[in-house]
């Protein structure tokens, strides 16, 4: 007898697609998850993860470029939308070591000296380990998050069933100058800057594992030869549809028409 899949809590999550221009065109940062991960083991992904309560505690004055009201309207929630943007930035900092922030005076975050880079790396380890929050790092370093060029572009809900489900908002942003991306060696074990087409080609050849939302977002990115074109298009998006795939036999069906309107969404 077939039993229905057990109910799994849907957790709010955020993912950041960090882009830059390379010799072969626009590149996106990707990380390989640890092979023993409970969710998406060994898959190549963008930096991201669940929204933490502390993401909603970053003071409004510590954020440049968007207010909670605007962020909430952008992602379609009554309030608290800024926490999704903050979560995307925090996850990128934790998993890739890149922090989208500026000095309170407006200057770009400077990590050109070994001392500055070492201090930022220590903050990263502390946030990753839960010893301090991102808000505490911003306060200690007199920084503000730079969300002026962070754009909401995609919304995916993990299909029903174990082990975990996420209601994930995908964002895109340009990589800050002077910072080097490195995987955290715990949740992520490899990192690479790659063109979307190259990543898709490796997946098609069986060289790497990509989950379905990553594939679809890479296909969207692959339409743009340079990051300026992508960011211009992203900034002009009026609304982002929610995609809630379901399993049909062994096939993942992405059609929105197959989505059950009664499917619960995570609390926001």
Foldseek 3Di string as FASTA:
>chain_A
DDDDFDFAAAFAKEFEWAWAADPQFIWTKWFAFDQPDFPNHRAIGTQMDGQDPVLLVQDQLQAPADGQCRQCVAAPHPGDSSSRVSRNQLSCCQFWVAHQKAASVRHRQDPPDPVSSVVSVVVSVCCNVVVDHPSVVCVVRNMHHYCNLKFWAEWEWEADHDDHIYGYIYIYGYGDPPDGTDGNCHRTNDMDIDQLVVVLVCVVVVNGDHDDVRNVVSVVSNVDRHVVVVSVVRVPDDHYDYWYWYDDPNDTGGDNVPDDPVDDHHDD
